[in-house]
């Protein structure tokens, strides 16, 4: 973690961080053979709306955690989309247990159509998470969270396994 006074452009700071991380990795590789070091940096540019240093540090750290596992050095700049996704992830984690108990997840079938004969040839099962206001959280938002924290197994046992068994019994 570093606080860097910087008077140049954000692009120049980003390039400077890239250069420093590459140099560090090269120096370590020269010292220790067969080592691969991957560094991830979250960058938050202070603005007047950020009154506390703790907030700035949290935003930089959230940004760093936003970077997926990668095989190369990565730098990510804080933005409002990161805050939105982080807030959504926290909301998902806080409400997932009750949603499972309340059967808030729904399985929807997406038809698959044969292009040559324009005939129905199957269906893809998709899960949706219905909210109290009748809106939905779509799988691209909650499935990665569930896969990351292991909750996907509970969802599978409660929804997918009975669903697949019911399809099998209808044949």
N, C-alpha and C. Protein backbone atom coordinates (compact mmCIF):
# COMPACT_ATOMS: atom_id res chain seq x y z
N UNK A 1 0.84 -1.16 0.00
CA UNK A 1 0.00 0.00 0.00
C UNK A 1 0.89 1.22 0.00
N UNK A 2 0.60 2.15 -0.87
CA UNK A 2 1.37 3.38 -0.96
C UNK A 2 0.44 4.56 -1.22
N UNK A 3 0.80 5.67 -0.66
CA UNK A 3 0.17 6.93 -1.01
C UNK A 3 1.21 7.70 -1.80
N UNK A 4 0.86 8.09 -3.02
CA UNK A 4 1.83 8.72 -3.89
C UNK A 4 1.33 10.09 -4.32
N UNK A 5 2.04 11.15 -3.93
CA UNK A 5 1.67 12.46 -4.47
C UNK A 5 2.05 12.47 -5.96
N UNK A 6 1.13 12.84 -6.81
CA UNK A 6 1.37 12.73 -8.24
C UNK A 6 0.76 13.94 -8.93
N UNK A 7 1.56 14.62 -9.70
CA UNK A 7 1.06 15.83 -10.37
C UNK A 7 0.86 15.64 -11.87
N UNK A 8 1.17 14.44 -12.34
CA UNK A 8 1.02 14.18 -13.77
C UNK A 8 -0.31 13.47 -14.02
N UNK A 9 -0.51 13.00 -15.23
CA UNK A 9 -1.79 12.39 -15.61
C UNK A 9 -1.94 11.00 -14.99
N UNK A 10 -3.19 10.54 -14.84
CA UNK A 10 -3.43 9.17 -14.36
C UNK A 10 -2.75 8.11 -15.24
N UNK A 11 -2.70 8.37 -16.54
CA UNK A 11 -2.05 7.42 -17.45
C UNK A 11 -0.56 7.30 -17.15
N UNK A 12 0.07 8.44 -16.83
CA UNK A 12 1.51 8.41 -16.51
C UNK A 12 1.76 7.68 -15.20
N UNK A 13 0.88 7.86 -14.22
CA UNK A 13 1.03 7.14 -12.96
C UNK A 13 0.85 5.64 -13.19
N UNK A 14 -0.15 5.28 -13.96
CA UNK A 14 -0.39 3.88 -14.26
C UNK A 14 0.83 3.27 -14.95
N UNK A 15 1.39 3.97 -15.91
CA UNK A 15 2.58 3.46 -16.59
C UNK A 15 3.75 3.34 -15.63
N UNK A 16 3.88 4.30 -14.72
CA UNK A 16 4.96 4.25 -13.73
C UNK A 16 4.81 3.02 -12.83
N UNK A 17 3.58 2.73 -12.41
CA UNK A 17 3.32 1.54 -11.57
C UNK A 17 3.65 0.28 -12.35
N UNK A 18 3.26 0.24 -13.62
CA UNK A 18 3.58 -0.93 -14.46
C UNK A 18 5.09 -1.13 -14.54
N UNK A 19 5.80 -0.04 -14.77
CA UNK A 19 7.26 -0.13 -14.88
C UNK A 19 7.89 -0.64 -13.59
N UNK A 20 7.42 -0.13 -12.46
CA UNK A 20 7.96 -0.53 -11.16
C UNK A 20 7.68 -2.01 -10.90
N UNK A 21 6.46 -2.47 -11.18
CA UNK A 21 6.13 -3.87 -10.93
C UNK A 21 6.93 -4.80 -11.84
N UNK A 22 7.09 -4.40 -13.10
CA UNK A 22 7.88 -5.23 -14.02
C UNK A 22 9.34 -5.30 -13.57
N UNK A 23 9.87 -4.17 -13.13
CA UNK A 23 11.26 -4.14 -12.66
C UNK A 23 11.42 -5.02 -11.42
N UNK A 24 10.48 -4.92 -10.48
CA UNK A 24 10.53 -5.73 -9.27
C UNK A 24 10.50 -7.22 -9.60
N UNK A 25 9.60 -7.60 -10.48
CA UNK A 25 9.48 -9.01 -10.86
C UNK A 25 10.75 -9.51 -11.55
N UNK A 26 11.32 -8.69 -12.41
CA UNK A 26 12.56 -9.07 -13.10
C UNK A 26 13.70 -9.24 -12.10
N UNK A 27 13.80 -8.35 -11.12
CA UNK A 27 14.85 -8.46 -10.10
C UNK A 27 14.69 -9.72 -9.26
N UNK A 28 13.46 -10.05 -8.91
CA UNK A 28 13.22 -11.26 -8.12
C UNK A 28 13.53 -12.52 -8.93
N UNK A 29 13.16 -12.49 -10.20
CA UNK A 29 13.44 -13.64 -11.07
C UNK A 29 14.95 -13.84 -11.23
N UNK A 30 15.70 -12.73 -11.26
CA UNK A 30 17.16 -12.82 -11.38
C UNK A 30 17.77 -13.42 -10.11
N UNK A 31 17.15 -13.18 -8.96
CA UNK A 31 17.65 -13.70 -7.69
C UNK A 31 17.26 -15.16 -7.48
N UNK A 32 16.05 -15.52 -7.89
CA UNK A 32 15.51 -16.85 -7.64
C UNK A 32 15.03 -17.43 -8.97
N UNK A 33 15.70 -18.48 -9.40
CA UNK A 33 15.29 -19.11 -10.66
C UNK A 33 13.94 -19.82 -10.49
N UNK A 34 13.27 -20.01 -11.60
CA UNK A 34 12.00 -20.72 -11.63
C UNK A 34 10.95 -20.13 -10.69
N UNK A 35 10.90 -18.81 -10.62
CA UNK A 35 9.87 -18.17 -9.79
C UNK A 35 9.03 -17.27 -10.69
N UNK A 36 7.76 -17.27 -10.44
CA UNK A 36 6.84 -16.39 -11.17
C UNK A 36 6.10 -15.56 -10.13
N UNK A 37 6.34 -14.28 -10.14
CA UNK A 37 5.67 -13.37 -9.21
C UNK A 37 4.65 -12.57 -10.02
N UNK A 38 3.43 -12.52 -9.49
CA UNK A 38 2.37 -11.75 -10.13
C UNK A 38 1.90 -10.71 -9.11
N UNK A 39 1.92 -9.47 -9.52
CA UNK A 39 1.49 -8.38 -8.63
C UNK A 39 0.19 -7.78 -9.15
N UNK A 40 -0.67 -7.42 -8.22
CA UNK A 40 -1.93 -6.77 -8.54
C UNK A 40 -1.99 -5.46 -7.78
N UNK A 41 -2.34 -4.39 -8.48
CA UNK A 41 -2.39 -3.08 -7.84
C UNK A 41 -3.75 -2.45 -8.08
N UNK A 42 -4.36 -1.98 -7.00
CA UNK A 42 -5.58 -1.21 -7.08
C UNK A 42 -5.24 0.24 -6.85
N UNK A 43 -5.70 1.11 -7.73
CA UNK A 43 -5.35 2.52 -7.66
C UNK A 43 -6.60 3.35 -7.45
N UNK A 44 -6.54 4.22 -6.47
CA UNK A 44 -7.62 5.18 -6.23
C UNK A 44 -7.02 6.58 -6.24
N UNK A 45 -7.53 7.44 -7.11
CA UNK A 45 -7.07 8.82 -7.16
C UNK A 45 -7.92 9.64 -6.19
N UNK A 46 -7.26 10.27 -5.24
CA UNK A 46 -7.98 11.08 -4.26
C UNK A 46 -8.73 12.20 -4.94
N UNK A 47 -9.93 12.45 -4.46
CA UNK A 47 -10.67 13.62 -4.91
C UNK A 47 -11.26 14.32 -3.69
N UNK A 48 -11.85 15.46 -3.89
CA UNK A 48 -12.33 16.27 -2.77
C UNK A 48 -13.47 15.61 -2.00
N UNK A 49 -14.18 14.67 -2.64
CA UNK A 49 -15.31 14.01 -1.96
C UNK A 49 -14.83 12.98 -0.95
N UNK A 50 -13.57 12.59 -1.02
CA UNK A 50 -13.03 11.58 -0.12
C UNK A 50 -12.37 12.29 1.06
N UNK A 51 -13.09 12.33 2.18
CA UNK A 51 -12.63 13.10 3.34
C UNK A 51 -11.73 12.29 4.28
N UNK A 52 -11.76 10.96 4.18
CA UNK A 52 -11.00 10.14 5.12
C UNK A 52 -10.01 9.25 4.38
N UNK A 53 -8.83 9.14 4.94
CA UNK A 53 -7.80 8.30 4.33
C UNK A 53 -8.22 6.83 4.34
N UNK A 54 -8.95 6.42 5.37
CA UNK A 54 -9.44 5.04 5.43
C UNK A 54 -10.31 4.70 4.21
N UNK A 55 -11.13 5.67 3.81
CA UNK A 55 -12.00 5.47 2.65
C UNK A 55 -11.15 5.28 1.39
N UNK A 56 -10.12 6.10 1.23
CA UNK A 56 -9.25 5.99 0.07
C UNK A 56 -8.55 4.64 0.04
N UNK A 57 -8.05 4.20 1.19
CA UNK A 57 -7.37 2.91 1.27
C UNK A 57 -8.35 1.78 0.94
N UNK A 58 -9.56 1.85 1.50
CA UNK A 58 -10.59 0.84 1.21
C UNK A 58 -10.90 0.77 -0.28
N UNK A 59 -11.02 1.93 -0.91
CA UNK A 59 -11.35 1.96 -2.35
C UNK A 59 -10.21 1.36 -3.19
N UNK A 60 -8.99 1.66 -2.83
CA UNK A 60 -7.85 1.06 -3.55
C UNK A 60 -7.83 -0.45 -3.34
N UNK A 61 -8.12 -0.88 -2.12
CA UNK A 61 -8.10 -2.32 -1.82
C UNK A 61 -9.25 -3.05 -2.52
N UNK A 62 -10.43 -2.46 -2.53
CA UNK A 62 -11.57 -3.05 -3.25
C UNK A 62 -11.21 -3.19 -4.73
N UNK A 63 -10.55 -2.18 -5.26
CA UNK A 63 -10.15 -2.20 -6.66
C UNK A 63 -9.15 -3.32 -6.92
N UNK A 64 -8.18 -3.48 -6.02
CA UNK A 64 -7.19 -4.56 -6.16
C UNK A 64 -7.88 -5.92 -6.14
N UNK A 65 -8.83 -6.10 -5.22
CA UNK A 65 -9.53 -7.38 -5.11
C UNK A 65 -10.43 -7.65 -6.32
N UNK A 66 -10.80 -6.61 -7.01
CA UNK A 66 -11.65 -6.73 -8.19
C UNK A 66 -10.93 -7.46 -9.33
N UNK A 67 -9.60 -7.41 -9.32
CA UNK A 67 -8.81 -8.04 -10.37
C UNK A 67 -8.91 -9.56 -10.20
N UNK A 68 -9.31 -10.24 -11.27
CA UNK A 68 -9.39 -11.70 -11.25
C UNK A 68 -8.00 -12.31 -11.16
N UNK A 69 -7.97 -13.59 -10.82
CA UNK A 69 -6.71 -14.30 -10.83
C UNK A 69 -6.13 -14.21 -12.25
N UNK A 70 -4.88 -13.85 -12.33
CA UNK A 70 -4.26 -13.65 -13.61
C UNK A 70 -2.84 -14.19 -13.57
N UNK A 71 -2.30 -14.47 -14.73
CA UNK A 71 -0.92 -14.95 -14.78
C UNK A 71 0.04 -13.81 -15.11
N UNK A 72 -0.46 -12.59 -15.14
CA UNK A 72 0.40 -11.44 -15.39
C UNK A 72 0.09 -10.32 -14.42
N UNK A 73 1.00 -9.38 -14.30
CA UNK A 73 0.78 -8.24 -13.43
C UNK A 73 -0.43 -7.46 -13.92
N UNK A 74 -1.22 -6.96 -12.98
CA UNK A 74 -2.43 -6.23 -13.34
C UNK A 74 -2.54 -4.97 -12.51
N UNK A 75 -3.07 -3.92 -13.13
CA UNK A 75 -3.35 -2.67 -12.44
C UNK A 75 -4.79 -2.30 -12.79
N UNK A 76 -5.54 -1.94 -11.77
CA UNK A 76 -6.94 -1.57 -11.98
C UNK A 76 -7.18 -0.22 -11.31
N UNK A 77 -7.85 0.67 -12.00
CA UNK A 77 -8.15 2.00 -11.50
C UNK A 77 -9.56 1.99 -10.93
N UNK A 78 -9.71 2.57 -9.74
CA UNK A 78 -11.02 2.67 -9.07
C UNK A 78 -12.00 3.42 -9.95
N UNK A 79 -13.22 2.90 -9.98
CA UNK A 79 -14.31 3.57 -10.68
C UNK A 79 -15.63 3.20 -10.02
N UNK A 80 -16.68 3.89 -10.38
CA UNK A 80 -17.98 3.66 -9.75
C UNK A 80 -18.54 2.27 -10.04
N UNK A 81 -18.17 1.69 -11.19
CA UNK A 81 -18.64 0.33 -11.51
C UNK A 81 -18.08 -0.68 -10.51
N UNK A 82 -16.86 -0.46 -10.07
CA UNK A 82 -16.25 -1.35 -9.08
C UNK A 82 -17.01 -1.25 -7.76
N UNK A 83 -17.36 -0.04 -7.37
CA UNK A 83 -18.14 0.15 -6.14
C UNK A 83 -19.50 -0.52 -6.27
N UNK A 84 -20.14 -0.38 -7.43
CA UNK A 84 -21.46 -1.00 -7.65
C UNK A 84 -21.36 -2.51 -7.54
N UNK A 85 -20.34 -3.10 -8.16
CA UNK A 85 -20.18 -4.55 -8.12
C UNK A 85 -19.82 -5.03 -6.72
N UNK A 86 -19.01 -4.28 -6.02
CA UNK A 86 -18.64 -4.65 -4.66
C UNK A 86 -19.85 -4.59 -3.73
N UNK A 87 -20.66 -3.56 -3.89
CA UNK A 87 -21.88 -3.42 -3.10
C UNK A 87 -22.85 -4.55 -3.43
N UNK A 88 -22.98 -4.89 -4.71
CA UNK A 88 -23.87 -5.97 -5.12
C UNK A 88 -23.39 -7.30 -4.55
N UNK A 89 -22.08 -7.54 -4.57
CA UNK A 89 -21.55 -8.78 -4.01
C UNK A 89 -21.86 -8.87 -2.53
N UNK A 90 -21.69 -7.78 -1.79
CA UNK A 90 -22.00 -7.77 -0.36
C UNK A 90 -23.48 -8.06 -0.13
N UNK A 91 -24.34 -7.47 -0.96
CA UNK A 91 -25.79 -7.68 -0.85
C UNK A 91 -26.15 -9.14 -1.13
N UNK A 92 -25.51 -9.71 -2.14
CA UNK A 92 -25.77 -11.11 -2.50
C UNK A 92 -25.40 -12.02 -1.34
N UNK A 93 -24.22 -11.81 -0.79
CA UNK A 93 -23.76 -12.65 0.33
C UNK A 93 -24.66 -12.49 1.54
N UNK A 94 -25.10 -11.27 1.81
CA UNK A 94 -25.93 -11.02 3.00
C UNK A 94 -27.32 -11.63 2.88
N UNK A 95 -27.81 -11.83 1.66
CA UNK A 95 -29.20 -12.29 1.49
C UNK A 95 -29.34 -13.69 0.92
N UNK A 96 -28.23 -14.35 0.58
CA UNK A 96 -28.32 -15.64 -0.11
C UNK A 96 -28.97 -16.74 0.73
N UNK A 97 -28.66 -16.81 2.02
CA UNK A 97 -29.23 -17.86 2.86
C UNK A 97 -30.75 -17.75 2.95
N UNK A 98 -31.24 -16.54 3.20
CA UNK A 98 -32.69 -16.35 3.29
C UNK A 98 -33.36 -16.60 1.94
N UNK A 99 -32.70 -16.21 0.86
CA UNK A 99 -33.27 -16.43 -0.47
C UNK A 99 -33.44 -17.92 -0.74
N UNK A 100 -32.48 -18.71 -0.30
CA UNK A 100 -32.57 -20.15 -0.49
C UNK A 100 -33.72 -20.73 0.34
N UNK A 101 -33.83 -20.29 1.60
CA UNK A 101 -34.92 -20.75 2.47
C UNK A 101 -36.29 -20.35 1.93
N UNK A 102 -36.36 -19.14 1.35
CA UNK A 102 -37.63 -18.62 0.85
C UNK A 102 -37.95 -19.06 -0.58
N UNK A 103 -37.12 -19.93 -1.16
CA UNK A 103 -37.30 -20.42 -2.53
C UNK A 103 -37.41 -19.25 -3.52
N UNK A 104 -36.51 -18.28 -3.37
CA UNK A 104 -36.53 -17.10 -4.24
C UNK A 104 -35.86 -17.36 -5.59
N UNK A 105 -35.21 -18.51 -5.73
CA UNK A 105 -34.58 -18.84 -7.00
C UNK A 105 -35.58 -19.58 -7.87
N UNK A 106 -35.57 -19.25 -9.15
CA UNK A 106 -36.48 -19.88 -10.09
C UNK A 106 -35.68 -20.47 -11.25
N UNK A 107 -36.09 -21.62 -11.72
CA UNK A 107 -35.47 -22.23 -12.88
C UNK A 107 -36.32 -21.88 -14.10
N UNK A 108 -35.69 -21.28 -15.08
CA UNK A 108 -36.35 -20.94 -16.34
C UNK A 108 -35.74 -21.79 -17.43
N UNK A 109 -36.56 -22.20 -18.38
CA UNK A 109 -36.07 -22.98 -19.51
C UNK A 109 -35.98 -22.10 -20.75
N UNK A 110 -34.81 -22.10 -21.34
CA UNK A 110 -34.55 -21.37 -22.59
C UNK A 110 -34.58 -22.40 -23.71
N UNK A 111 -35.55 -22.31 -24.62
CA UNK A 111 -35.64 -23.31 -25.68
C UNK A 111 -34.43 -23.28 -26.61
N UNK A 112 -34.05 -24.46 -27.07
CA UNK A 112 -33.02 -24.58 -28.09
C UNK A 112 -33.71 -25.06 -29.35
N UNK A 113 -33.45 -24.37 -30.45
CA UNK A 113 -34.12 -24.67 -31.71
C UNK A 113 -33.07 -25.08 -32.74
N UNK A 114 -33.37 -26.16 -33.44
CA UNK A 114 -32.52 -26.64 -34.52
C UNK A 114 -32.58 -25.64 -35.67
N UNK A 115 -31.43 -25.16 -36.11
CA UNK A 115 -31.43 -24.14 -37.15
C UNK A 115 -31.85 -24.68 -38.51
N UNK A 116 -31.52 -25.92 -38.79
CA UNK A 116 -31.84 -26.46 -40.10
C UNK A 116 -33.33 -26.76 -40.27
N UNK A 117 -33.94 -27.32 -39.26
CA UNK A 117 -35.35 -27.68 -39.37
C UNK A 117 -36.27 -26.79 -38.57
N UNK A 118 -35.70 -25.82 -37.87
CA UNK A 118 -36.48 -24.90 -37.03
C UNK A 118 -37.37 -25.67 -36.04
N UNK A 119 -36.83 -26.78 -35.52
CA UNK A 119 -37.57 -27.61 -34.57
C UNK A 119 -36.96 -27.45 -33.17
N UNK A 120 -37.81 -27.57 -32.20
CA UNK A 120 -37.35 -27.56 -30.81
C UNK A 120 -36.54 -28.83 -30.57
N UNK A 121 -35.31 -28.65 -30.08
CA UNK A 121 -34.45 -29.83 -29.87
C UNK A 121 -33.98 -29.95 -28.43
N UNK A 122 -34.39 -29.06 -27.58
CA UNK A 122 -33.97 -29.14 -26.18
C UNK A 122 -34.19 -27.81 -25.48
N UNK A 123 -33.61 -27.72 -24.30
CA UNK A 123 -33.75 -26.49 -23.52
C UNK A 123 -32.55 -26.35 -22.61
N UNK A 124 -32.21 -25.10 -22.33
CA UNK A 124 -31.14 -24.79 -21.38
C UNK A 124 -31.82 -24.29 -20.11
N UNK A 125 -31.44 -24.88 -18.97
CA UNK A 125 -32.02 -24.47 -17.69
C UNK A 125 -31.20 -23.30 -17.14
N UNK A 126 -31.88 -22.22 -16.82
CA UNK A 126 -31.25 -21.03 -16.28
C UNK A 126 -31.90 -20.68 -14.95
N UNK A 127 -31.13 -20.19 -14.01
CA UNK A 127 -31.69 -19.84 -12.72
C UNK A 127 -31.77 -18.31 -12.61
N UNK A 128 -32.84 -17.83 -12.04
CA UNK A 128 -33.04 -16.41 -11.78
C UNK A 128 -33.33 -16.25 -10.29
N UNK A 129 -32.95 -15.13 -9.73
CA UNK A 129 -33.16 -14.85 -8.31
C UNK A 129 -34.18 -13.72 -8.21
N UNK A 130 -35.39 -14.11 -7.82
CA UNK A 130 -36.48 -13.14 -7.73
C UNK A 130 -36.38 -12.36 -6.42
N UNK A 131 -36.48 -11.05 -6.52
CA UNK A 131 -36.40 -10.15 -5.37
C UNK A 131 -37.81 -9.84 -4.85
N UNK A 132 -37.88 -9.29 -3.65
CA UNK A 132 -39.18 -8.97 -3.05
C UNK A 132 -39.98 -7.98 -3.89
N UNK A 133 -39.29 -7.10 -4.62
CA UNK A 133 -40.00 -6.12 -5.45
C UNK A 133 -40.32 -6.66 -6.85
N UNK A 134 -40.17 -7.99 -7.02
CA UNK A 134 -40.42 -8.70 -8.28
C UNK A 134 -39.40 -8.41 -9.38
N UNK A 135 -38.30 -7.75 -9.04
CA UNK A 135 -37.20 -7.63 -9.99
C UNK A 135 -36.34 -8.89 -9.86
N UNK A 136 -35.33 -9.03 -10.71
CA UNK A 136 -34.49 -10.22 -10.69
C UNK A 136 -33.02 -9.85 -10.62
N UNK A 137 -32.26 -10.70 -9.95
CA UNK A 137 -30.81 -10.68 -10.05
C UNK A 137 -30.47 -11.81 -11.00
N UNK A 138 -29.72 -11.48 -12.04
CA UNK A 138 -29.43 -12.47 -13.07
C UNK A 138 -28.16 -13.26 -12.73
N UNK A 139 -28.04 -14.45 -13.32
CA UNK A 139 -26.97 -15.36 -12.95
C UNK A 139 -25.56 -14.80 -13.12
N UNK A 140 -25.36 -13.90 -14.08
CA UNK A 140 -24.01 -13.38 -14.27
C UNK A 140 -23.53 -12.56 -13.07
N UNK A 141 -24.47 -12.15 -12.22
CA UNK A 141 -24.08 -11.42 -11.02
C UNK A 141 -23.91 -12.32 -9.81
N UNK A 142 -24.80 -13.31 -9.62
CA UNK A 142 -24.71 -14.09 -8.38
C UNK A 142 -23.98 -15.42 -8.52
N UNK A 143 -23.98 -16.04 -9.70
CA UNK A 143 -23.32 -17.34 -9.84
C UNK A 143 -21.81 -17.25 -9.55
N UNK A 144 -21.07 -16.25 -10.07
CA UNK A 144 -19.65 -16.17 -9.72
C UNK A 144 -19.40 -16.00 -8.22
N UNK A 145 -20.27 -15.27 -7.54
CA UNK A 145 -20.15 -15.11 -6.09
C UNK A 145 -20.36 -16.46 -5.41
N UNK A 146 -21.41 -17.19 -5.82
CA UNK A 146 -21.71 -18.49 -5.23
C UNK A 146 -20.59 -19.50 -5.51
N UNK A 147 -20.04 -19.45 -6.71
CA UNK A 147 -18.93 -20.36 -7.02
C UNK A 147 -17.72 -20.03 -6.17
N UNK A 148 -17.51 -18.75 -5.92
CA UNK A 148 -16.36 -18.32 -5.12
C UNK A 148 -16.47 -18.67 -3.65
N UNK A 149 -17.69 -18.66 -3.11
CA UNK A 149 -17.83 -18.93 -1.67
C UNK A 149 -18.41 -20.31 -1.36
N UNK A 150 -18.65 -21.12 -2.39
CA UNK A 150 -19.12 -22.49 -2.17
C UNK A 150 -20.62 -22.64 -2.04
N UNK A 151 -21.36 -21.54 -2.06
CA UNK A 151 -22.81 -21.59 -1.91
C UNK A 151 -23.49 -22.26 -3.10
N UNK A 152 -22.78 -22.36 -4.20
CA UNK A 152 -23.34 -22.97 -5.41
C UNK A 152 -23.78 -24.41 -5.14
N UNK A 153 -23.10 -25.08 -4.23
CA UNK A 153 -23.45 -26.47 -3.90
C UNK A 153 -24.84 -26.54 -3.28
N UNK A 154 -25.13 -25.62 -2.37
CA UNK A 154 -26.46 -25.60 -1.75
C UNK A 154 -27.54 -25.32 -2.79
N UNK A 155 -27.25 -24.41 -3.70
CA UNK A 155 -28.20 -24.11 -4.77
C UNK A 155 -28.42 -25.33 -5.66
N UNK A 156 -27.34 -26.02 -5.99
CA UNK A 156 -27.44 -27.25 -6.80
C UNK A 156 -28.33 -28.29 -6.13
N UNK A 157 -28.10 -28.54 -4.85
CA UNK A 157 -28.86 -29.58 -4.16
C UNK A 157 -30.33 -29.21 -4.03
N UNK A 158 -30.62 -27.95 -3.82
CA UNK A 158 -32.02 -27.57 -3.62
C UNK A 158 -32.78 -27.44 -4.93
N UNK A 159 -32.11 -27.02 -6.00
CA UNK A 159 -32.82 -26.74 -7.26
C UNK A 159 -32.46 -27.67 -8.40
N UNK A 160 -31.17 -27.79 -8.71
CA UNK A 160 -30.79 -28.48 -9.92
C UNK A 160 -30.99 -29.98 -9.86
N UNK A 161 -30.59 -30.59 -8.80
CA UNK A 161 -30.72 -32.05 -8.72
C UNK A 161 -32.19 -32.47 -8.79
N UNK A 162 -33.10 -31.90 -7.99
CA UNK A 162 -34.52 -32.27 -8.13
C UNK A 162 -35.08 -31.93 -9.52
N UNK A 163 -34.61 -30.82 -10.10
CA UNK A 163 -35.08 -30.43 -11.42
C UNK A 163 -34.69 -31.47 -12.47
N UNK A 164 -33.43 -31.87 -12.46
CA UNK A 164 -32.95 -32.87 -13.42
C UNK A 164 -33.67 -34.20 -13.20
N UNK A 165 -33.87 -34.60 -11.95
CA UNK A 165 -34.57 -35.85 -11.67
C UNK A 165 -36.01 -35.79 -12.16
N UNK A 166 -36.66 -34.64 -12.03
CA UNK A 166 -38.04 -34.52 -12.51
C UNK A 166 -38.09 -34.61 -14.03
N UNK A 167 -37.10 -34.06 -14.70
CA UNK A 167 -37.05 -34.18 -16.17
C UNK A 167 -36.86 -35.63 -16.59
N UNK A 168 -35.98 -36.32 -15.88
CA UNK A 168 -35.69 -37.72 -16.19
C UNK A 168 -36.97 -38.56 -16.02
N UNK A 169 -37.75 -38.29 -14.98
CA UNK A 169 -38.96 -39.09 -14.73
C UNK A 169 -40.05 -38.82 -15.77
N UNK A 170 -39.99 -37.68 -16.48
CA UNK A 170 -41.00 -37.35 -17.47
C UNK A 170 -40.74 -38.01 -18.81
N UNK A 171 -39.55 -38.61 -18.99
CA UNK A 171 -39.23 -39.24 -20.29
C UNK A 171 -40.05 -40.48 -20.53
